[in-house]
Amino acid sequence: MQDDPADFVEFATARSGSLFRTALLLCGDWHLAEDLVQTTLAKTYRSWWRVRRANSPTAYTRSILVRSYLSQRRLRGSGELPWPTSPDRSEPEPDVALRVTLLAALAKLRAGDRAVLVLRYWEDMSVAETAAELHLTEGAVRNRAMRALAVLRGLLSDDEEANRAHRRS
């Protein structure tokens, strides 16, 4: 029972950039993020008749993305390791060192904690929205965010101290 595919194409075109940004922040790898967005859009298309009737098709699709990421992290063994940089990018991004440091620190967090931080702070979702998206209580979101930020701060301060020590030697 598919609706007009043009509706889905219009939605996918409008939201794919935002979905990719979220996927990249979640998984930390350009190519895995592209795969995650493709998986999300395929799942969205399969149930497009239901998605387009939801209160917020964007939130519904983002929920599919986050759940696919968490599921992928649970199922993935230790076989795949991402490359540190993408060879096909020609333009440097502003403040690359800060971005690389932050993404490396984010990659060290547990998948659930990382999902909370990405949704809460990069996607600028409220505590209630994040809790609904991840099927957690609001208190659990606050608690996880607080602990994950403390771990992230610790990781970032360790990197800063290592950089200072490296510059002195």
Foldseek 3Di string as FASTA:
>chain_A
DADPVVVLVVVCVVCVVVQLVLLCLLQVANVVSVVLSVVLSVVCRVVVVVLVPDPDSNLVSSLSSLVVSVVCVVPDDPPDDHDLDDPPDDDDDPPNVVVSQLSVLLNPDDSVLSQLCCCVPVVVDPLVSSCVSVVHDSVVSVVSPVVSVVSSVVSSVVVVVVVVVVVVD
